Each structure stands twice: as structure tokens, then as C-alpha cells.
Amino acid sequence: MNIKIIGKKITESELREIAKDFYGDMVKGVVDIERGIIAMGGEYHMDANVMLIENGSKQQNIWGFNWYFDKKESERIEYISLINIRPRQNNRTMEVQDVSLRDKMKTIILKYLL
């Protein structure tokens, strides 16, 4: 399983290499909003989630997303994942509901993927 923790900018070809294991035109990712890093790859968001936790992240700071290569730039990030269901953190659905949290996620994601 090709999962990478990303703390510096990567190229689209590097990201596509990660994506080819499961989905091809899309890759699952998680972002640690506290540490400002992401992990990309795996069949499920939980795969990358576990990798971040094993590397020092805390669950309450990790949120899942999907990255679509072939959508226009404003639609590439989808803030939907089973790991986002967090009633204790006021997120009761798979989609991240808090706009400020989505903005924070987006800033970190785009720092490495665009």
C-alpha cells in the first residue's frame, strides 16, 4: 500500500503515482490541521489516518478528504470521509461542516499539492 506523509510540496506525477494503487483519478488523503501535514494514499482514509497517528498526530486534529485530479481547481478537494463523523467535535456527518475548518484544511492541502 502506497501511503506517504507529505510535509513538502510534491508534483502531480508523484501524487498520481500514489493514486494508481486504488483509484487512479482520485486519491484519499488526511490532513493534520495542528501539525500542518498531510498523508495521501490507501484504500480507505483510515489507512493514512493510522499512519499519521503512528507518527505523532492526534485523532482530533486529523480530517479526511478526497483529491480529484481531473476536476477544475476549485472542485478538486472533497471534504468527505467516514473519519470525519465526530459528534464530540460538532461534526455529525461524513462531510466537514465547519467552513473555517474546511478553509484551514484547504490551506494546508494546497500548500503541498498545487
PDB file of N, CA and C in Angstrom:
ATOM      1  N   MET A   1       0.852  -1.175   0.000  1.00  0.00           N
ATOM      2  CA  MET A   1       0.000   0.000   0.000  1.00  0.00           C
ATOM      3  C   MET A   1       0.900   1.242   0.000  1.00  0.00           C
ATOM      4  N   ASN A   2       0.660   2.111  -0.932  1.00  0.00           N
ATOM      5  CA  ASN A   2       1.500   3.295  -1.121  1.00  0.00           C
ATOM      6  C   ASN A   2       0.860   4.500  -0.421  1.00  0.00           C
ATOM      7  N   ILE A   3       1.267   4.751   0.831  1.00  0.00           N
ATOM      8  CA  ILE A   3       0.797   5.907   1.590  1.00  0.00           C
ATOM      9  C   ILE A   3       2.017   6.741   1.940  1.00  0.00           C
ATOM     10  N   LYS A   4       1.908   8.042   1.723  1.00  0.00           N
ATOM     11  CA  LYS A   4       3.032   8.919   2.012  1.00  0.00           C
ATOM     12  C   LYS A   4       2.596  10.061   2.917  1.00  0.00           C
ATOM     13  N   ILE A   5       3.412  10.326   3.930  1.00  0.00           N
ATOM     14  CA  ILE A   5       3.235  11.531   4.729  1.00  0.00           C
ATOM     15  C   ILE A   5       3.964  12.642   4.001  1.00  0.00           C
ATOM     16  N   ILE A   6       3.271  13.739   3.804  1.00  0.00           N
ATOM     17  CA  ILE A   6       3.801  14.823   2.982  1.00  0.00           C
ATOM     18  C   ILE A   6       3.951  16.079   3.830  1.00  0.00           C
ATOM     19  N   GLY A   7       5.170  16.561   3.881  1.00  0.00           N
ATOM     20  CA  GLY A   7       5.467  17.780   4.610  1.00  0.00           C
ATOM     21  C   GLY A   7       6.187  18.792   3.741  1.00  0.00           C
ATOM     22  N   LYS A   8       6.249  18.503   2.435  1.00  0.00           N
ATOM     23  CA  LYS A   8       6.814  19.444   1.463  1.00  0.00           C
ATOM     24  C   LYS A   8       6.081  19.242   0.142  1.00  0.00           C
ATOM     25  N   LYS A   9       6.136  20.235  -0.702  1.00  0.00           N
ATOM     26  CA  LYS A   9       5.399  20.218  -1.968  1.00  0.00           C
ATOM     27  C   LYS A   9       5.787  19.002  -2.806  1.00  0.00           C
ATOM     28  N   ILE A  10       4.786  18.343  -3.404  1.00  0.00           N
ATOM     29  CA  ILE A  10       5.057  17.238  -4.316  1.00  0.00           C
ATOM     30  C   ILE A  10       4.462  17.564  -5.678  1.00  0.00           C
ATOM     31  N   THR A  11       4.947  16.891  -6.688  1.00  0.00           N
ATOM     32  CA  THR A  11       4.454  17.119  -8.046  1.00  0.00           C
ATOM     33  C   THR A  11       3.186  16.316  -8.294  1.00  0.00           C
ATOM     34  N   GLU A  12       2.464  16.699  -9.324  1.00  0.00           N
ATOM     35  CA  GLU A  12       1.258  15.960  -9.681  1.00  0.00           C
ATOM     36  C   GLU A  12       1.619  14.532 -10.079  1.00  0.00           C
ATOM     37  N   SER A  13       2.737  14.338 -10.759  1.00  0.00           N
ATOM     38  CA  SER A  13       3.120  12.980 -11.156  1.00  0.00           C
ATOM     39  C   SER A  13       3.431  12.110  -9.935  1.00  0.00           C
ATOM     40  N   GLU A  14       4.044  12.682  -8.910  1.00  0.00           N
ATOM     41  CA  GLU A  14       4.286  11.935  -7.669  1.00  0.00           C
ATOM     42  C   GLU A  14       2.965  11.559  -7.004  1.00  0.00           C
ATOM     43  N   LEU A  15       2.018  12.485  -7.004  1.00  0.00           N
ATOM     44  CA  LEU A  15       0.709  12.216  -6.407  1.00  0.00           C
ATOM     45  C   LEU A  15      -0.058  11.179  -7.222  1.00  0.00           C
ATOM     46  N   ARG A  16       0.022  11.258  -8.540  1.00  0.00           N
ATOM     47  CA  ARG A  16      -0.635  10.255  -9.391  1.00  0.00           C
ATOM     48  C   ARG A  16      -0.041   8.857  -9.157  1.00  0.00           C
ATOM     49  N   GLU A  17       1.234   8.796  -8.872  1.00  0.00           N
ATOM     50  CA  GLU A  17       1.876   7.510  -8.564  1.00  0.00           C
ATOM     51  C   GLU A  17       1.263   6.903  -7.299  1.00  0.00           C
ATOM     52  N   ILE A  18       1.006   7.725  -6.307  1.00  0.00           N
ATOM     53  CA  ILE A  18       0.350   7.273  -5.076  1.00  0.00           C
ATOM     54  C   ILE A  18      -1.076   6.813  -5.382  1.00  0.00           C
ATOM     55  N   ALA A  19      -1.766   7.558  -6.234  1.00  0.00           N
ATOM     56  CA  ALA A  19      -3.176   7.301  -6.533  1.00  0.00           C
ATOM     57  C   ALA A  19      -3.407   6.029  -7.339  1.00  0.00           C
ATOM     58  N   LYS A  20      -2.420   5.604  -8.110  1.00  0.00           N
ATOM     59  CA  LYS A  20      -2.655   4.495  -9.040  1.00  0.00           C
ATOM     60  C   LYS A  20      -2.943   3.167  -8.353  1.00  0.00           C
ATOM     61  N   ASP A  21      -2.556   3.003  -7.099  1.00  0.00           N
ATOM     62  CA  ASP A  21      -2.800   1.747  -6.386  1.00  0.00           C
ATOM     63  C   ASP A  21      -4.287   1.425  -6.239  1.00  0.00           C
ATOM     64  N   PHE A  22      -5.132   2.466  -6.078  1.00  0.00           N
ATOM     65  CA  PHE A  22      -6.538   2.179  -5.815  1.00  0.00           C
ATOM     66  C   PHE A  22      -7.519   2.869  -6.754  1.00  0.00           C
ATOM     67  N   TYR A  23      -7.423   4.167  -6.943  1.00  0.00           N
ATOM     68  CA  TYR A  23      -8.499   4.872  -7.625  1.00  0.00           C
ATOM     69  C   TYR A  23      -8.095   5.539  -8.934  1.00  0.00           C
ATOM     70  N   GLY A  24      -6.855   5.868  -9.110  1.00  0.00           N
ATOM     71  CA  GLY A  24      -6.386   6.445 -10.363  1.00  0.00           C
ATOM     72  C   GLY A  24      -6.679   7.921 -10.529  1.00  0.00           C
ATOM     73  N   ASP A  25      -7.942   8.269 -10.713  1.00  0.00           N
ATOM     74  CA  ASP A  25      -8.311   9.674 -10.951  1.00  0.00           C
ATOM     75  C   ASP A  25      -8.611  10.433  -9.659  1.00  0.00           C
ATOM     76  N   MET A  26      -8.496   9.737  -8.528  1.00  0.00           N
ATOM     77  CA  MET A  26      -8.765  10.326  -7.221  1.00  0.00           C
ATOM     78  C   MET A  26      -7.840   9.663  -6.213  1.00  0.00           C
ATOM     79  N   VAL A  27      -7.470  10.405  -5.182  1.00  0.00           N
ATOM     80  CA  VAL A  27      -6.657   9.830  -4.114  1.00  0.00           C
ATOM     81  C   VAL A  27      -7.217  10.307  -2.775  1.00  0.00           C
ATOM     82  N   LYS A  28      -7.239   9.399  -1.819  1.00  0.00           N
ATOM     83  CA  LYS A  28      -7.727   9.734  -0.478  1.00  0.00           C
ATOM     84  C   LYS A  28      -6.595  10.357   0.328  1.00  0.00           C
ATOM     85  N   GLY A  29      -6.964  11.298   1.174  1.00  0.00           N
ATOM     86  CA  GLY A  29      -5.958  11.945   1.993  1.00  0.00           C
ATOM     87  C   GLY A  29      -6.512  12.325   3.345  1.00  0.00           C
ATOM     88  N   VAL A  30      -5.603  12.592   4.264  1.00  0.00           N
ATOM     89  CA  VAL A  30      -5.961  13.120   5.576  1.00  0.00           C
ATOM     90  C   VAL A  30      -5.013  14.268   5.888  1.00  0.00           C
ATOM     91  N   VAL A  31      -5.524  15.219   6.627  1.00  0.00           N
ATOM     92  CA  VAL A  31      -4.728  16.393   6.985  1.00  0.00           C
ATOM     93  C   VAL A  31      -4.723  16.548   8.500  1.00  0.00           C
ATOM     94  N   ASP A  32      -3.540  16.793   9.040  1.00  0.00           N
ATOM     95  CA  ASP A  32      -3.408  17.120  10.457  1.00  0.00           C
ATOM     96  C   ASP A  32      -3.372  18.636  10.540  1.00  0.00           C
ATOM     97  N   ILE A  33      -4.454  19.226  10.998  1.00  0.00           N
ATOM     98  CA  ILE A  33      -4.569  20.684  10.996  1.00  0.00           C
ATOM     99  C   ILE A  33      -3.687  21.336  12.058  1.00  0.00           C
ATOM    100  N   GLU A  34      -3.235  20.581  13.025  1.00  0.00           N
ATOM    101  CA  GLU A  34      -2.364  21.120  14.066  1.00  0.00           C
ATOM    102  C   GLU A  34      -0.905  21.111  13.624  1.00  0.00           C
ATOM    103  N   ARG A  35      -0.473  20.010  13.046  1.00  0.00           N
ATOM    104  CA  ARG A  35       0.920  19.873  12.611  1.00  0.00           C
ATOM    105  C   ARG A  35       1.164  20.417  11.211  1.00  0.00           C
ATOM    106  N   GLY A  36       0.088  20.631  10.456  1.00  0.00           N
ATOM    107  CA  GLY A  36       0.229  21.194   9.120  1.00  0.00           C
ATOM    108  C   GLY A  36       0.822  20.236   8.111  1.00  0.00           C
ATOM    109  N   ILE A  37       0.501  18.942   8.231  1.00  0.00           N
ATOM    110  CA  ILE A  37       0.972  17.932   7.289  1.00  0.00           C
ATOM    111  C   ILE A  37      -0.201  17.139   6.753  1.00  0.00           C
ATOM    112  N   ILE A  38       0.047  16.409   5.682  1.00  0.00           N
ATOM    113  CA  ILE A  38      -0.981  15.540   5.117  1.00  0.00           C
ATOM    114  C   ILE A  38      -0.392  14.159   4.872  1.00  0.00           C
ATOM    115  N   ALA A  39      -1.265  13.168   4.754  1.00  0.00           N
ATOM    116  CA  ALA A  39      -0.877  11.831   4.315  1.00  0.00           C
ATOM    117  C   ALA A  39      -1.809  11.471   3.165  1.00  0.00           C
ATOM    118  N   MET A  40      -1.230  10.941   2.108  1.00  0.00           N
ATOM    119  CA  MET A  40      -2.002  10.634   0.912  1.00  0.00           C
ATOM    120  C   MET A  40      -1.841   9.164   0.560  1.00  0.00           C
ATOM    121  N   GLY A  41      -2.960   8.561   0.103  1.00  0.00           N
ATOM    122  CA  GLY A  41      -2.924   7.191  -0.374  1.00  0.00           C
ATOM    123  C   GLY A  41      -3.711   6.244   0.497  1.00  0.00           C
ATOM    124  N   GLY A  42      -3.764   5.012   0.060  1.00  0.00           N
ATOM    125  CA  GLY A  42      -4.505   3.978   0.765  1.00  0.00           C
ATOM    126  C   GLY A  42      -5.873   3.762   0.164  1.00  0.00           C
ATOM    127  N   GLU A  43      -6.454   2.639   0.507  1.00  0.00           N
ATOM    128  CA  GLU A  43      -7.794   2.323   0.015  1.00  0.00           C
ATOM    129  C   GLU A  43      -8.854   3.097   0.795  1.00  0.00           C
ATOM    130  N   TYR A  44      -8.604   3.293   2.077  1.00  0.00           N
ATOM    131  CA  TYR A  44      -9.534   3.995   2.953  1.00  0.00           C
ATOM    132  C   TYR A  44      -8.809   5.151   3.630  1.00  0.00           C
ATOM    133  N   HIS A  45      -9.558   6.168   4.023  1.00  0.00           N
ATOM    134  CA  HIS A  45      -8.955   7.285   4.756  1.00  0.00           C
ATOM    135  C   HIS A  45      -8.278   6.790   6.036  1.00  0.00           C
ATOM    136  N   MET A  46      -8.840   5.762   6.630  1.00  0.00           N
ATOM    137  CA  MET A  46      -8.309   5.243   7.880  1.00  0.00           C
ATOM    138  C   MET A  46      -6.871   4.757   7.721  1.00  0.00           C
ATOM    139  N   ASP A  47      -6.508   4.280   6.529  1.00  0.00           N
ATOM    140  CA  ASP A  47      -5.136   3.811   6.303  1.00  0.00           C
ATOM    141  C   ASP A  47      -4.138   4.951   6.547  1.00  0.00           C
ATOM    142  N   ALA A  48      -4.384   6.093   5.932  1.00  0.00           N
ATOM    143  CA  ALA A  48      -3.494   7.252   6.110  1.00  0.00           C
ATOM    144  C   ALA A  48      -3.651   7.846   7.509  1.00  0.00           C
ATOM    145  N   ASN A  49      -4.851   7.774   8.052  1.00  0.00           N
ATOM    146  CA  ASN A  49      -5.125   8.253   9.405  1.00  0.00           C
ATOM    147  C   ASN A  49      -4.231   7.523  10.412  1.00  0.00           C
ATOM    148  N   VAL A  50      -4.177   6.216  10.313  1.00  0.00           N
ATOM    149  CA  VAL A  50      -3.368   5.403  11.222  1.00  0.00           C
ATOM    150  C   VAL A  50      -1.892   5.773  11.080  1.00  0.00           C
ATOM    151  N   MET A  51      -1.450   5.980   9.854  1.00  0.00           N
ATOM    152  CA  MET A  51      -0.049   6.332   9.637  1.00  0.00           C
ATOM    153  C   MET A  51       0.306   7.648  10.332  1.00  0.00           C
ATOM    154  N   LEU A  52      -0.586   8.645  10.236  1.00  0.00           N
ATOM    155  CA  LEU A  52      -0.311   9.919  10.913  1.00  0.00           C
ATOM    156  C   LEU A  52      -0.275   9.743  12.429  1.00  0.00           C
ATOM    157  N   ILE A  53      -1.197   8.971  12.964  1.00  0.00           N
ATOM    158  CA  ILE A  53      -1.217   8.743  14.414  1.00  0.00           C
ATOM    159  C   ILE A  53       0.061   8.034  14.860  1.00  0.00           C
ATOM    160  N   GLU A  54       0.506   7.060  14.089  1.00  0.00           N
ATOM    161  CA  GLU A  54       1.753   6.356  14.410  1.00  0.00           C
ATOM    162  C   GLU A  54       2.958   7.290  14.354  1.00  0.00           C
ATOM    163  N   ASN A  55       2.793   8.416  13.668  1.00  0.00           N
ATOM    164  CA  ASN A  55       3.876   9.389  13.543  1.00  0.00           C
ATOM    165  C   ASN A  55       3.644  10.642  14.376  1.00  0.00           C
ATOM    166  N   GLY A  56       2.816  10.528  15.417  1.00  0.00           N
ATOM    167  CA  GLY A  56       2.701  11.603  16.391  1.00  0.00           C
ATOM    168  C   GLY A  56       1.484  12.503  16.312  1.00  0.00           C
ATOM    169  N   SER A  57       0.604  12.297  15.342  1.00  0.00           N
ATOM    170  CA  SER A  57      -0.603  13.124  15.255  1.00  0.00           C
ATOM    171  C   SER A  57      -1.648  12.660  16.259  1.00  0.00           C
ATOM    172  N   LYS A  58      -2.581  13.544  16.587  1.00  0.00           N
ATOM    173  CA  LYS A  58      -3.690  13.222  17.480  1.00  0.00           C
ATOM    174  C   LYS A  58      -4.974  13.158  16.660  1.00  0.00           C
ATOM    175  N   GLN A  59      -5.812  12.170  16.966  1.00  0.00           N
ATOM    176  CA  GLN A  59      -7.026  11.928  16.176  1.00  0.00           C
ATOM    177  C   GLN A  59      -7.895  13.170  16.023  1.00  0.00           C
ATOM    178  N   GLN A  60      -8.039  13.962  17.071  1.00  0.00           N
ATOM    179  CA  GLN A  60      -8.933  15.118  16.989  1.00  0.00           C
ATOM    180  C   GLN A  60      -8.458  16.165  15.985  1.00  0.00           C
ATOM    181  N   ASN A  61      -7.204  16.074  15.544  1.00  0.00           N
ATOM    182  CA  ASN A  61      -6.657  17.040  14.592  1.00  0.00           C
ATOM    183  C   ASN A  61      -6.629  16.533  13.152  1.00  0.00           C
ATOM    184  N   ILE A  62      -7.031  15.274  12.942  1.00  0.00           N
ATOM    185  CA  ILE A  62      -6.941  14.659  11.618  1.00  0.00           C
ATOM    186  C   ILE A  62      -8.318  14.628  10.963  1.00  0.00           C
ATOM    187  N   TRP A  63      -8.366  15.123   9.725  1.00  0.00           N
ATOM    188  CA  TRP A  63      -9.619  15.167   8.963  1.00  0.00           C
ATOM    189  C   TRP A  63      -9.385  14.607   7.569  1.00  0.00           C
ATOM    190  N   GLY A  64     -10.387  13.908   7.052  1.00  0.00           N
ATOM    191  CA  GLY A  64     -10.249  13.248   5.757  1.00  0.00           C
ATOM    192  C   GLY A  64     -10.794  14.063   4.600  1.00  0.00           C
ATOM    193  N   PHE A  65     -10.210  13.808   3.420  1.00  0.00           N
ATOM    194  CA  PHE A  65     -10.655  14.467   2.192  1.00  0.00           C
ATOM    195  C   PHE A  65     -10.305  13.588   0.996  1.00  0.00           C
ATOM    196  N   ASN A  66     -10.864  13.927  -0.145  1.00  0.00           N
ATOM    197  CA  ASN A  66     -10.529  13.287  -1.409  1.00  0.00           C
ATOM    198  C   ASN A  66      -9.982  14.353  -2.349  1.00  0.00           C
ATOM    199  N   TRP A  67      -9.017  13.974  -3.160  1.00  0.00           N
ATOM    200  CA  TRP A  67      -8.404  14.876  -4.147  1.00  0.00           C
ATOM    201  C   TRP A  67      -8.686  14.304  -5.536  1.00  0.00           C
ATOM    202  N   TYR A  68      -9.354  15.091  -6.372  1.00  0.00           N
ATOM    203  CA  TYR A  68      -9.680  14.687  -7.742  1.00  0.00           C
ATOM    204  C   TYR A  68      -8.767  15.408  -8.728  1.00  0.00           C
ATOM    205  N   PHE A  69      -8.044  14.650  -9.501  1.00  0.00           N
ATOM    206  CA  PHE A  69      -7.080  15.225 -10.442  1.00  0.00           C
ATOM    207  C   PHE A  69      -7.736  15.992 -11.582  1.00  0.00           C
ATOM    208  N   ASP A  70      -8.818  15.461 -12.115  1.00  0.00           N
ATOM    209  CA  ASP A  70      -9.362  15.974 -13.366  1.00  0.00           C
ATOM    210  C   ASP A  70     -10.499  16.972 -13.210  1.00  0.00           C
ATOM    211  N   LYS A  71     -10.767  17.386 -11.992  1.00  0.00           N
ATOM    212  CA  LYS A  71     -11.775  18.423 -11.780  1.00  0.00           C
ATOM    213  C   LYS A  71     -11.089  19.780 -11.820  1.00  0.00           C
ATOM    214  N   LYS A  72     -11.886  20.826 -12.052  1.00  0.00           N
ATOM    215  CA  LYS A  72     -11.278  22.154 -12.045  1.00  0.00           C
ATOM    216  C   LYS A  72     -10.785  22.468 -10.638  1.00  0.00           C
ATOM    217  N   GLU A  73      -9.828  23.370 -10.560  1.00  0.00           N
ATOM    218  CA  GLU A  73      -9.106  23.632  -9.316  1.00  0.00           C
ATOM    219  C   GLU A  73     -10.013  23.864  -8.109  1.00  0.00           C
ATOM    220  N   SER A  74     -11.086  24.598  -8.305  1.00  0.00           N
ATOM    221  CA  SER A  74     -11.982  24.926  -7.188  1.00  0.00           C
ATOM    222  C   SER A  74     -12.800  23.732  -6.699  1.00  0.00           C
ATOM    223  N   GLU A  75     -12.783  22.614  -7.444  1.00  0.00           N
ATOM    224  CA  GLU A  75     -13.581  21.439  -7.081  1.00  0.00           C
ATOM    225  C   GLU A  75     -12.735  20.201  -6.798  1.00  0.00           C
ATOM    226  N   ARG A  76     -11.441  20.351  -6.740  1.00  0.00           N
ATOM    227  CA  ARG A  76     -10.564  19.185  -6.561  1.00  0.00           C
ATOM    228  C   ARG A  76     -10.651  18.565  -5.176  1.00  0.00           C
ATOM    229  N   ILE A  77     -10.934  19.366  -4.162  1.00  0.00           N
ATOM    230  CA  ILE A  77     -10.991  18.840  -2.798  1.00  0.00           C
ATOM    231  C   ILE A  77     -12.432  18.559  -2.415  1.00  0.00           C
ATOM    232  N   GLU A  78     -12.661  17.348  -1.927  1.00  0.00           N
ATOM    233  CA  GLU A  78     -13.970  16.950  -1.401  1.00  0.00           C
ATOM    234  C   GLU A  78     -13.754  16.605   0.068  1.00  0.00           C
ATOM    235  N   TYR A  79     -14.459  17.280   0.947  1.00  0.00           N
ATOM    236  CA  TYR A  79     -14.252  17.160   2.392  1.00  0.00           C
ATOM    237  C   TYR A  79     -15.130  16.077   2.999  1.00  0.00           C
ATOM    238  N   ILE A  80     -15.094  14.878   2.411  1.00  0.00           N
ATOM    239  CA  ILE A  80     -15.972  13.791   2.834  1.00  0.00           C
ATOM    240  C   ILE A  80     -15.150  12.562   3.192  1.00  0.00           C
ATOM    241  N   SER A  81     -15.423  12.010   4.377  1.00  0.00           N
ATOM    242  CA  SER A  81     -14.754  10.798   4.841  1.00  0.00           C
ATOM    243  C   SER A  81     -15.493  10.258   6.063  1.00  0.00           C
ATOM    244  N   LEU A  82     -15.475   8.954   6.208  1.00  0.00           N
ATOM    245  CA  LEU A  82     -16.059   8.358   7.410  1.00  0.00           C
ATOM    246  C   LEU A  82     -15.358   8.837   8.672  1.00  0.00           C
ATOM    247  N   ILE A  83     -14.051   9.114   8.598  1.00  0.00           N
ATOM    248  CA  ILE A  83     -13.335   9.542   9.810  1.00  0.00           C
ATOM    249  C   ILE A  83     -13.767  10.929  10.276  1.00  0.00           C
ATOM    250  N   ASN A  84     -14.524  11.636   9.436  1.00  0.00           N
ATOM    251  CA  ASN A  84     -14.981  12.981   9.803  1.00  0.00           C
ATOM    252  C   ASN A  84     -16.235  12.978  10.678  1.00  0.00           C
ATOM    253  N   ILE A  85     -16.845  11.828  10.864  1.00  0.00           N
ATOM    254  CA  ILE A  85     -18.038  11.763  11.718  1.00  0.00           C
ATOM    255  C   ILE A  85     -17.562  11.856  13.171  1.00  0.00           C
ATOM    256  N   ARG A  86     -17.792  13.029  13.767  1.00  0.00           N
ATOM    257  CA  ARG A  86     -17.290  13.303  15.118  1.00  0.00           C
ATOM    258  C   ARG A  86     -18.308  14.117  15.912  1.00  0.00           C
ATOM    259  N   PRO A  87     -19.303  13.484  16.467  1.00  0.00           N
ATOM    260  CA  PRO A  87     -20.295  14.228  17.246  1.00  0.00           C
ATOM    261  C   PRO A  87     -19.673  15.075  18.362  1.00  0.00           C
ATOM    262  N   ARG A  88     -18.634  14.586  19.004  1.00  0.00           N
ATOM    263  CA  ARG A  88     -17.992  15.344  20.093  1.00  0.00           C
ATOM    264  C   ARG A  88     -17.314  16.612  19.597  1.00  0.00           C
ATOM    265  N   GLN A  89     -16.997  16.653  18.298  1.00  0.00           N
ATOM    266  CA  GLN A  89     -16.378  17.831  17.713  1.00  0.00           C
ATOM    267  C   GLN A  89     -17.372  18.579  16.811  1.00  0.00           C
ATOM    268  N   ASN A  90     -18.650  18.363  17.059  1.00  0.00           N
ATOM    269  CA  ASN A  90     -19.737  19.025  16.329  1.00  0.00           C
ATOM    270  C   ASN A  90     -19.730  18.753  14.835  1.00  0.00           C
ATOM    271  N   ASN A  91     -19.295  17.564  14.424  1.00  0.00           N
ATOM    272  CA  ASN A  91     -19.384  17.175  13.013  1.00  0.00           C
ATOM    273  C   ASN A  91     -20.083  15.825  12.970  1.00  0.00           C
ATOM    274  N   ARG A  92     -21.362  15.842  12.640  1.00  0.00           N
ATOM    275  CA  ARG A  92     -22.181  14.640  12.704  1.00  0.00           C
ATOM    276  C   ARG A  92     -22.345  13.935  11.364  1.00  0.00           C
ATOM    277  N   THR A  93     -21.670  14.423  10.340  1.00  0.00           N
ATOM    278  CA  THR A  93     -21.781  13.816   9.012  1.00  0.00           C
ATOM    279  C   THR A  93     -20.386  13.483   8.484  1.00  0.00           C
ATOM    280  N   MET A  94     -20.347  12.798   7.354  1.00  0.00           N
ATOM    281  CA  MET A  94     -19.063  12.478   6.724  1.00  0.00           C
ATOM    282  C   MET A  94     -18.405  13.718   6.137  1.00  0.00           C
ATOM    283  N   GLU A  95     -19.201  14.728   5.814  1.00  0.00           N
ATOM    284  CA  GLU A  95     -18.649  15.960   5.255  1.00  0.00           C
ATOM    285  C   GLU A  95     -18.291  16.931   6.377  1.00  0.00           C
ATOM    286  N   VAL A  96     -17.134  17.564   6.257  1.00  0.00           N
ATOM    287  CA  VAL A  96     -16.739  18.574   7.242  1.00  0.00           C
ATOM    288  C   VAL A  96     -17.702  19.748   7.113  1.00  0.00           C
ATOM    289  N   GLN A  97     -18.406  20.056   8.196  1.00  0.00           N
ATOM    290  CA  GLN A  97     -19.446  21.078   8.176  1.00  0.00           C
ATOM    291  C   GLN A  97     -18.924  22.487   8.442  1.00  0.00           C
ATOM    292  N   ASP A  98     -17.932  22.611   9.278  1.00  0.00           N
ATOM    293  CA  ASP A  98     -17.409  23.905   9.696  1.00  0.00           C
ATOM    294  C   ASP A  98     -16.584  24.539   8.575  1.00  0.00           C
ATOM    295  N   VAL A  99     -17.034  25.684   8.086  1.00  0.00           N
ATOM    296  CA  VAL A  99     -16.379  26.364   6.966  1.00  0.00           C
ATOM    297  C   VAL A  99     -14.959  26.792   7.343  1.00  0.00           C
ATOM    298  N   SER A 100     -14.754  27.259   8.555  1.00  0.00           N
ATOM    299  CA  SER A 100     -13.405  27.684   8.942  1.00  0.00           C
ATOM    300  C   SER A 100     -12.458  26.489   9.020  1.00  0.00           C
ATOM    301  N   LEU A 101     -12.949  25.336   9.436  1.00  0.00           N
ATOM    302  CA  LEU A 101     -12.136  24.122   9.449  1.00  0.00           C
ATOM    303  C   LEU A 101     -11.793  23.707   8.023  1.00  0.00           C
ATOM    304  N   ARG A 102     -12.781  23.754   7.123  1.00  0.00           N
ATOM    305  CA  ARG A 102     -12.515  23.430   5.707  1.00  0.00           C
ATOM    306  C   ARG A 102     -11.473  24.379   5.129  1.00  0.00           C
ATOM    307  N   ASP A 103     -11.573  25.652   5.464  1.00  0.00           N
ATOM    308  CA  ASP A 103     -10.592  26.626   4.971  1.00  0.00           C
ATOM    309  C   ASP A 103      -9.188  26.300   5.482  1.00  0.00           C
ATOM    310  N   LYS A 104      -9.082  25.917   6.738  1.00  0.00           N
ATOM    311  CA  LYS A 104      -7.788  25.545   7.312  1.00  0.00           C
ATOM    312  C   LYS A 104      -7.240  24.305   6.606  1.00  0.00           C
ATOM    313  N   MET A 105      -8.114  23.322   6.389  1.00  0.00           N
ATOM    314  CA  MET A 105      -7.718  22.110   5.672  1.00  0.00           C
ATOM    315  C   MET A 105      -7.210  22.467   4.276  1.00  0.00           C
ATOM    316  N   LYS A 106      -7.977  23.287   3.576  1.00  0.00           N
ATOM    317  CA  LYS A 106      -7.644  23.651   2.206  1.00  0.00           C
ATOM    318  C   LYS A 106      -6.288  24.355   2.125  1.00  0.00           C
ATOM    319  N   THR A 107      -6.022  25.260   3.035  1.00  0.00           N
ATOM    320  CA  THR A 107      -4.744  25.975   3.054  1.00  0.00           C
ATOM    321  C   THR A 107      -3.586  24.999   3.166  1.00  0.00           C
ATOM    322  N   ILE A 108      -3.701  24.027   4.057  1.00  0.00           N
ATOM    323  CA  ILE A 108      -2.635  23.048   4.250  1.00  0.00           C
ATOM    324  C   ILE A 108      -2.515  22.132   3.031  1.00  0.00           C
ATOM    325  N   ILE A 109      -3.628  21.651   2.528  1.00  0.00           N
ATOM    326  CA  ILE A 109      -3.618  20.745   1.375  1.00  0.00           C
ATOM    327  C   ILE A 109      -2.978  21.412   0.164  1.00  0.00           C
ATOM    328  N   LEU A 110      -3.407  22.620  -0.140  1.00  0.00           N
ATOM    329  CA  LEU A 110      -2.903  23.312  -1.339  1.00  0.00           C
ATOM    330  C   LEU A 110      -1.436  23.706  -1.210  1.00  0.00           C
ATOM    331  N   LYS A 111      -0.967  23.844   0.007  1.00  0.00           N
ATOM    332  CA  LYS A 111       0.449  24.147   0.244  1.00  0.00           C
ATOM    333  C   LYS A 111       1.352  23.047  -0.340  1.00  0.00           C
ATOM    334  N   TYR A 112       0.843  21.808  -0.341  1.00  0.00           N
ATOM    335  CA  TYR A 112       1.636  20.675  -0.801  1.00  0.00           C
ATOM    336  C   TYR A 112       1.229  20.131  -2.165  1.00  0.00           C
ATOM    337  N   LEU A 113      -0.009  20.308  -2.567  1.00  0.00           N
ATOM    338  CA  LEU A 113      -0.491  19.632  -3.773  1.00  0.00           C
ATOM    339  C   LEU A 113      -0.640  20.525  -4.995  1.00  0.00           C
ATOM    340  N   LEU A 114      -0.558  21.847  -4.867  1.00  0.00           N
ATOM    341  CA  LEU A 114      -0.679  22.704  -6.061  1.00  0.00           C
ATOM    342  C   LEU A 114       0.603  23.441  -6.335  1.00  0.00           C
TER     343      LEU A 114
END
